[in-house]
Amino acid sequence: MSLDEEIREILDDFENTAPERIFEVLQQLRPHFRNELISEYLQEKIHKIAKLDEQERKRQCKTLTPYFDWYLQGL
């Protein structure tokens, strides 16, 4: 499955997607950002969210969806 397909699948069924899967796809996405600061910020954000409890992790994952949108729009 391509990265585009994985992203669309996550966005289509976001509520039922495990945060770990979201993190995994975001990690694949990081090298595609042209700006290193964005990539580093995303890495830090993922790291912080991963430490939260399950319910809060799921809520905070919603704040990461713009990265998927940027990728699908061509960064």
PDB file of N, CA and C in Angstrom:
ATOM      1  N   MET A   1       0.859  -1.175   0.000  1.00  0.00           N
ATOM      2  CA  MET A   1       0.000   0.000   0.000  1.00  0.00           C
ATOM      3  C   MET A   1       0.905   1.237   0.000  1.00  0.00           C
ATOM      4  N   SER A   2       0.558   2.216  -0.814  1.00  0.00           N
ATOM      5  CA  SER A   2       1.354   3.438  -0.883  1.00  0.00           C
ATOM      6  C   SER A   2       1.089   4.325   0.337  1.00  0.00           C
ATOM      7  N   LEU A   3       1.965   5.271   0.557  1.00  0.00           N
ATOM      8  CA  LEU A   3       1.807   6.197   1.668  1.00  0.00           C
ATOM      9  C   LEU A   3       0.517   7.003   1.511  1.00  0.00           C
ATOM     10  N   ASP A   4       0.217   7.422   0.290  1.00  0.00           N
ATOM     11  CA  ASP A   4      -1.043   8.148   0.036  1.00  0.00           C
ATOM     12  C   ASP A   4      -2.251   7.309   0.459  1.00  0.00           C
ATOM     13  N   GLU A   5      -2.241   6.044   0.086  1.00  0.00           N
ATOM     14  CA  GLU A   5      -3.352   5.153   0.429  1.00  0.00           C
ATOM     15  C   GLU A   5      -3.459   4.953   1.934  1.00  0.00           C
ATOM     16  N   GLU A   6      -2.323   4.805   2.596  1.00  0.00           N
ATOM     17  CA  GLU A   6      -2.343   4.642   4.046  1.00  0.00           C
ATOM     18  C   GLU A   6      -2.919   5.881   4.727  1.00  0.00           C
ATOM     19  N   ILE A   7      -2.521   7.044   4.255  1.00  0.00           N
ATOM     20  CA  ILE A   7      -3.019   8.298   4.833  1.00  0.00           C
ATOM     21  C   ILE A   7      -4.518   8.423   4.626  1.00  0.00           C
ATOM     22  N   ARG A   8      -4.971   8.162   3.415  1.00  0.00           N
ATOM     23  CA  ARG A   8      -6.414   8.245   3.129  1.00  0.00           C
ATOM     24  C   ARG A   8      -7.210   7.256   3.982  1.00  0.00           C
ATOM     25  N   GLU A   9      -6.651   6.072   4.171  1.00  0.00           N
ATOM     26  CA  GLU A   9      -7.310   5.061   4.996  1.00  0.00           C
ATOM     27  C   GLU A   9      -7.443   5.551   6.445  1.00  0.00           C
ATOM     28  N   ILE A  10      -6.391   6.153   6.962  1.00  0.00           N
ATOM     29  CA  ILE A  10      -6.431   6.691   8.324  1.00  0.00           C
ATOM     30  C   ILE A  10      -7.453   7.807   8.421  1.00  0.00           C
ATOM     31  N   LEU A  11      -7.433   8.733   7.480  1.00  0.00           N
ATOM     32  CA  LEU A  11      -8.358   9.863   7.522  1.00  0.00           C
ATOM     33  C   LEU A  11      -9.812   9.413   7.373  1.00  0.00           C
ATOM     34  N   ASP A  12     -10.035   8.390   6.562  1.00  0.00           N
ATOM     35  CA  ASP A  12     -11.395   7.883   6.355  1.00  0.00           C
ATOM     36  C   ASP A  12     -11.966   7.194   7.593  1.00  0.00           C
ATOM     37  N   ASP A  13     -11.104   6.602   8.406  1.00  0.00           N
ATOM     38  CA  ASP A  13     -11.563   5.877   9.590  1.00  0.00           C
ATOM     39  C   ASP A  13     -10.733   6.286  10.810  1.00  0.00           C
ATOM     40  N   PHE A  14     -10.570   7.578  10.992  1.00  0.00           N
ATOM     41  CA  PHE A  14      -9.698   8.107  12.030  1.00  0.00           C
ATOM     42  C   PHE A  14     -10.086   7.625  13.423  1.00  0.00           C
ATOM     43  N   GLU A  15     -11.351   7.623  13.726  1.00  0.00           N
ATOM     44  CA  GLU A  15     -11.821   7.255  15.068  1.00  0.00           C
ATOM     45  C   GLU A  15     -11.459   5.823  15.448  1.00  0.00           C
ATOM     46  N   ASN A  16     -11.342   4.951  14.469  1.00  0.00           N
ATOM     47  CA  ASN A  16     -11.034   3.544  14.743  1.00  0.00           C
ATOM     48  C   ASN A  16      -9.575   3.182  14.482  1.00  0.00           C
ATOM     49  N   THR A  17      -8.754   4.170  14.185  1.00  0.00           N
ATOM     50  CA  THR A  17      -7.338   3.928  13.923  1.00  0.00           C
ATOM     51  C   THR A  17      -6.547   4.093  15.212  1.00  0.00           C
ATOM     52  N   ALA A  18      -5.715   3.119  15.501  1.00  0.00           N
ATOM     53  CA  ALA A  18      -4.894   3.155  16.713  1.00  0.00           C
ATOM     54  C   ALA A  18      -3.853   4.276  16.606  1.00  0.00           C
ATOM     55  N   PRO A  19      -3.609   4.983  17.699  1.00  0.00           N
ATOM     56  CA  PRO A  19      -2.581   6.038  17.678  1.00  0.00           C
ATOM     57  C   PRO A  19      -1.226   5.528  17.191  1.00  0.00           C
ATOM     58  N   GLU A  20      -0.884   4.299  17.519  1.00  0.00           N
ATOM     59  CA  GLU A  20       0.397   3.752  17.088  1.00  0.00           C
ATOM     60  C   GLU A  20       0.492   3.693  15.570  1.00  0.00           C
ATOM     61  N   ARG A  21      -0.607   3.388  14.920  1.00  0.00           N
ATOM     62  CA  ARG A  21      -0.634   3.358  13.437  1.00  0.00           C
ATOM     63  C   ARG A  21      -0.467   4.767  12.890  1.00  0.00           C
ATOM     64  N   ILE A  22      -1.111   5.722  13.517  1.00  0.00           N
ATOM     65  CA  ILE A  22      -0.981   7.118  13.102  1.00  0.00           C
ATOM     66  C   ILE A  22       0.475   7.554  13.237  1.00  0.00           C
ATOM     67  N   PHE A  23       1.103   7.217  14.372  1.00  0.00           N
ATOM     68  CA  PHE A  23       2.503   7.574  14.593  1.00  0.00           C
ATOM     69  C   PHE A  23       3.402   6.925  13.539  1.00  0.00           C
ATOM     70  N   GLU A  24       3.126   5.664  13.231  1.00  0.00           N
ATOM     71  CA  GLU A  24       3.929   4.928  12.251  1.00  0.00           C
ATOM     72  C   GLU A  24       3.895   5.623  10.882  1.00  0.00           C
ATOM     73  N   VAL A  25       2.714   6.014  10.452  1.00  0.00           N
ATOM     74  CA  VAL A  25       2.578   6.666   9.148  1.00  0.00           C
ATOM     75  C   VAL A  25       3.199   8.061   9.183  1.00  0.00           C
ATOM     76  N   LEU A  26       3.039   8.767  10.292  1.00  0.00           N
ATOM     77  CA  LEU A  26       3.668  10.081  10.411  1.00  0.00           C
ATOM     78  C   LEU A  26       5.189   9.974  10.357  1.00  0.00           C
ATOM     79  N   GLN A  27       5.740   8.928  10.925  1.00  0.00           N
ATOM     80  CA  GLN A  27       7.192   8.724  10.855  1.00  0.00           C
ATOM     81  C   GLN A  27       7.633   8.520   9.403  1.00  0.00           C
ATOM     82  N   GLN A  28       6.827   7.826   8.629  1.00  0.00           N
ATOM     83  CA  GLN A  28       7.133   7.627   7.206  1.00  0.00           C
ATOM     84  C   GLN A  28       7.040   8.944   6.438  1.00  0.00           C
ATOM     85  N   LEU A  29       6.181   9.807   6.914  1.00  0.00           N
ATOM     86  CA  LEU A  29       5.916  11.087   6.270  1.00  0.00           C
ATOM     87  C   LEU A  29       7.018  12.116   6.530  1.00  0.00           C
ATOM     88  N   ARG A  30       7.643  12.059   7.685  1.00  0.00           N
ATOM     89  CA  ARG A  30       8.622  13.075   8.111  1.00  0.00           C
ATOM     90  C   ARG A  30       9.697  13.393   7.070  1.00  0.00           C
ATOM     91  N   PRO A  31      10.321  12.417   6.438  1.00  0.00           N
ATOM     92  CA  PRO A  31      11.392  12.742   5.485  1.00  0.00           C
ATOM     93  C   PRO A  31      10.921  13.532   4.257  1.00  0.00           C
ATOM     94  N   HIS A  32       9.628  13.570   4.026  1.00  0.00           N
ATOM     95  CA  HIS A  32       9.096  14.256   2.847  1.00  0.00           C
ATOM     96  C   HIS A  32       8.960  15.762   3.042  1.00  0.00           C
ATOM     97  N   PHE A  33       9.036  16.219   4.281  1.00  0.00           N
ATOM     98  CA  PHE A  33       8.936  17.655   4.524  1.00  0.00           C
ATOM     99  C   PHE A  33      10.240  18.326   4.123  1.00  0.00           C
ATOM    100  N   ARG A  34      10.135  19.398   3.381  1.00  0.00           N
ATOM    101  CA  ARG A  34      11.319  20.112   2.894  1.00  0.00           C
ATOM    102  C   ARG A  34      12.017  20.882   4.004  1.00  0.00           C
ATOM    103  N   ASN A  35      11.271  21.272   5.007  1.00  0.00           N
ATOM    104  CA  ASN A  35      11.809  22.068   6.102  1.00  0.00           C
ATOM    105  C   ASN A  35      12.151  21.145   7.272  1.00  0.00           C
ATOM    106  N   GLU A  36      13.412  21.130   7.658  1.00  0.00           N
ATOM    107  CA  GLU A  36      13.870  20.266   8.744  1.00  0.00           C
ATOM    108  C   GLU A  36      13.201  20.623  10.068  1.00  0.00           C
ATOM    109  N   LEU A  37      12.883  21.901  10.272  1.00  0.00           N
ATOM    110  CA  LEU A  37      12.233  22.312  11.514  1.00  0.00           C
ATOM    111  C   LEU A  37      10.858  21.675  11.662  1.00  0.00           C
ATOM    112  N   ILE A  38      10.124  21.579  10.577  1.00  0.00           N
ATOM    113  CA  ILE A  38       8.807  20.936  10.613  1.00  0.00           C
ATOM    114  C   ILE A  38       8.968  19.460  10.961  1.00  0.00           C
ATOM    115  N   SER A  39       9.922  18.823  10.346  1.00  0.00           N
ATOM    116  CA  SER A  39      10.161  17.412  10.616  1.00  0.00           C
ATOM    117  C   SER A  39      10.549  17.186  12.077  1.00  0.00           C
ATOM    118  N   GLU A  40      11.417  18.026  12.610  1.00  0.00           N
ATOM    119  CA  GLU A  40      11.836  17.906  14.012  1.00  0.00           C
ATOM    120  C   GLU A  40      10.673  18.195  14.958  1.00  0.00           C
ATOM    121  N   TYR A  41       9.880  19.211  14.653  1.00  0.00           N
ATOM    122  CA  TYR A  41       8.727  19.541  15.485  1.00  0.00           C
ATOM    123  C   TYR A  41       7.746  18.370  15.524  1.00  0.00           C
ATOM    124  N   LEU A  42       7.500  17.777  14.372  1.00  0.00           N
ATOM    125  CA  LEU A  42       6.589  16.634  14.298  1.00  0.00           C
ATOM    126  C   LEU A  42       7.119  15.476  15.136  1.00  0.00           C
ATOM    127  N   GLN A  43       8.408  15.220  15.064  1.00  0.00           N
ATOM    128  CA  GLN A  43       9.006  14.139  15.853  1.00  0.00           C
ATOM    129  C   GLN A  43       8.809  14.386  17.353  1.00  0.00           C
ATOM    130  N   GLU A  44       9.049  15.600  17.793  1.00  0.00           N
ATOM    131  CA  GLU A  44       8.868  15.946  19.206  1.00  0.00           C
ATOM    132  C   GLU A  44       7.405  15.799  19.626  1.00  0.00           C
ATOM    133  N   LYS A  45       6.507  16.244  18.764  1.00  0.00           N
ATOM    134  CA  LYS A  45       5.077  16.162  19.054  1.00  0.00           C
ATOM    135  C   LYS A  45       4.638  14.699  19.194  1.00  0.00           C
ATOM    136  N   ILE A  46       5.091  13.847  18.296  1.00  0.00           N
ATOM    137  CA  ILE A  46       4.764  12.425  18.356  1.00  0.00           C
ATOM    138  C   ILE A  46       5.287  11.833  19.663  1.00  0.00           C
ATOM    139  N   HIS A  47       6.507  12.162  20.001  1.00  0.00           N
ATOM    140  CA  HIS A  47       7.130  11.640  21.220  1.00  0.00           C
ATOM    141  C   HIS A  47       6.331  12.038  22.461  1.00  0.00           C
ATOM    142  N   LYS A  48       5.886  13.287  22.527  1.00  0.00           N
ATOM    143  CA  LYS A  48       5.111  13.764  23.681  1.00  0.00           C
ATOM    144  C   LYS A  48       3.743  13.082  23.753  1.00  0.00           C
ATOM    145  N   ILE A  49       3.083  12.969  22.624  1.00  0.00           N
ATOM    146  CA  ILE A  49       1.754  12.355  22.595  1.00  0.00           C
ATOM    147  C   ILE A  49       1.832  10.870  22.961  1.00  0.00           C
ATOM    148  N   ALA A  50       2.874  10.195  22.531  1.00  0.00           N
ATOM    149  CA  ALA A  50       3.020   8.765  22.797  1.00  0.00           C
ATOM    150  C   ALA A  50       3.099   8.452  24.289  1.00  0.00           C
ATOM    151  N   LYS A  51       3.487   9.419  25.080  1.00  0.00           N
ATOM    152  CA  LYS A  51       3.621   9.217  26.527  1.00  0.00           C
ATOM    153  C   LYS A  51       2.298   9.378  27.279  1.00  0.00           C
ATOM    154  N   LEU A  52       1.282   9.881  26.630  1.00  0.00           N
ATOM    155  CA  LEU A  52      -0.003  10.145  27.281  1.00  0.00           C
ATOM    156  C   LEU A  52      -0.820   8.866  27.439  1.00  0.00           C
ATOM    157  N   ASP A  53      -1.887   8.947  28.255  1.00  0.00           N
ATOM    158  CA  ASP A  53      -2.780   7.796  28.372  1.00  0.00           C
ATOM    159  C   ASP A  53      -3.571   7.639  27.072  1.00  0.00           C
ATOM    160  N   GLU A  54      -4.177   6.493  26.917  1.00  0.00           N
ATOM    161  CA  GLU A  54      -4.840   6.128  25.649  1.00  0.00           C
ATOM    162  C   GLU A  54      -5.876   7.154  25.181  1.00  0.00           C
ATOM    163  N   GLN A  55      -6.738   7.584  26.067  1.00  0.00           N
ATOM    164  CA  GLN A  55      -7.799   8.518  25.684  1.00  0.00           C
ATOM    165  C   GLN A  55      -7.213   9.858  25.245  1.00  0.00           C
ATOM    166  N   GLU A  56      -6.264  10.377  26.000  1.00  0.00           N
ATOM    167  CA  GLU A  56      -5.658  11.664  25.652  1.00  0.00           C
ATOM    168  C   GLU A  56      -4.805  11.536  24.393  1.00  0.00           C
ATOM    169  N   ARG A  57      -4.165  10.410  24.213  1.00  0.00           N
ATOM    170  CA  ARG A  57      -3.357  10.181  23.015  1.00  0.00           C
ATOM    171  C   ARG A  57      -4.242  10.256  21.771  1.00  0.00           C
ATOM    172  N   LYS A  58      -5.396   9.636  21.852  1.00  0.00           N
ATOM    173  CA  LYS A  58      -6.323   9.642  20.710  1.00  0.00           C
ATOM    174  C   LYS A  58      -6.802  11.065  20.415  1.00  0.00           C
ATOM    175  N   ARG A  59      -7.105  11.816  21.466  1.00  0.00           N
ATOM    176  CA  ARG A  59      -7.563  13.194  21.293  1.00  0.00           C
ATOM    177  C   ARG A  59      -6.462  14.056  20.679  1.00  0.00           C
ATOM    178  N   GLN A  60      -5.248  13.900  21.152  1.00  0.00           N
ATOM    179  CA  GLN A  60      -4.131  14.696  20.654  1.00  0.00           C
ATOM    180  C   GLN A  60      -3.725  14.316  19.224  1.00  0.00           C
ATOM    181  N   CYS A  61      -3.985  13.080  18.840  1.00  0.00           N
ATOM    182  CA  CYS A  61      -3.667  12.661  17.474  1.00  0.00           C
ATOM    183  C   CYS A  61      -4.437  13.482  16.448  1.00  0.00           C
ATOM    184  N   LYS A  62      -5.614  13.945  16.824  1.00  0.00           N
ATOM    185  CA  LYS A  62      -6.408  14.764  15.901  1.00  0.00           C
ATOM    186  C   LYS A  62      -5.673  16.041  15.518  1.00  0.00           C
ATOM    187  N   THR A  63      -4.796  16.525  16.397  1.00  0.00           N
ATOM    188  CA  THR A  63      -4.046  17.748  16.089  1.00  0.00           C
ATOM    189  C   THR A  63      -2.973  17.498  15.034  1.00  0.00           C
ATOM    190  N   LEU A  64      -2.720  16.247  14.718  1.00  0.00           N
ATOM    191  CA  LEU A  64      -1.688  15.900  13.747  1.00  0.00           C
ATOM    192  C   LEU A  64      -2.225  15.697  12.334  1.00  0.00           C
ATOM    193  N   THR A  65      -3.535  15.722  12.164  1.00  0.00           N
ATOM    194  CA  THR A  65      -4.109  15.472  10.834  1.00  0.00           C
ATOM    195  C   THR A  65      -3.694  16.493   9.779  1.00  0.00           C
ATOM    196  N   PRO A  66      -3.388  17.746  10.123  1.00  0.00           N
ATOM    197  CA  PRO A  66      -2.932  18.663   9.067  1.00  0.00           C
ATOM    198  C   PRO A  66      -1.671  18.172   8.343  1.00  0.00           C
ATOM    199  N   TYR A  67      -0.831  17.412   9.018  1.00  0.00           N
ATOM    200  CA  TYR A  67       0.360  16.873   8.356  1.00  0.00           C
ATOM    201  C   TYR A  67      -0.022  15.908   7.247  1.00  0.00           C
ATOM    202  N   PHE A  68      -1.074  15.135   7.466  1.00  0.00           N
ATOM    203  CA  PHE A  68      -1.571  14.242   6.422  1.00  0.00           C
ATOM    204  C   PHE A  68      -2.107  15.060   5.244  1.00  0.00           C
ATOM    205  N   ASP A  69      -2.871  16.087   5.561  1.00  0.00           N
ATOM    206  CA  ASP A  69      -3.443  16.947   4.515  1.00  0.00           C
ATOM    207  C   ASP A  69      -2.341  17.615   3.705  1.00  0.00           C
ATOM    208  N   TRP A  70      -1.323  18.126   4.358  1.00  0.00           N
ATOM    209  CA  TRP A  70      -0.204  18.771   3.652  1.00  0.00           C
ATOM    210  C   TRP A  70       0.464  17.793   2.700  1.00  0.00           C
ATOM    211  N   TYR A  71       0.671  16.578   3.161  1.00  0.00           N
ATOM    212  CA  TYR A  71       1.303  15.585   2.314  1.00  0.00           C
ATOM    213  C   TYR A  71       0.437  15.290   1.071  1.00  0.00           C
ATOM    214  N   LEU A  72      -0.839  15.101   1.306  1.00  0.00           N
ATOM    215  CA  LEU A  72      -1.736  14.782   0.187  1.00  0.00           C
ATOM    216  C   LEU A  72      -1.855  15.940  -0.805  1.00  0.00           C
ATOM    217  N   GLN A  73      -1.642  17.154  -0.318  1.00  0.00           N
ATOM    218  CA  GLN A  73      -1.727  18.328  -1.186  1.00  0.00           C
ATOM    219  C   GLN A  73      -0.378  18.649  -1.859  1.00  0.00           C
ATOM    220  N   GLY A  74       0.626  17.834  -1.591  1.00  0.00           N
ATOM    221  CA  GLY A  74       1.907  18.034  -2.231  1.00  0.00           C
ATOM    222  C   GLY A  74       2.897  18.803  -1.377  1.00  0.00           C
ATOM    223  N   LEU A  75       2.669  18.849  -0.074  1.00  0.00           N
ATOM    224  CA  LEU A  75       3.529  19.552   0.871  1.00  0.00           C
ATOM    225  C   LEU A  75       3.674  20.979   0.427  1.00  0.00           C
TER     226      LEU A  75
END
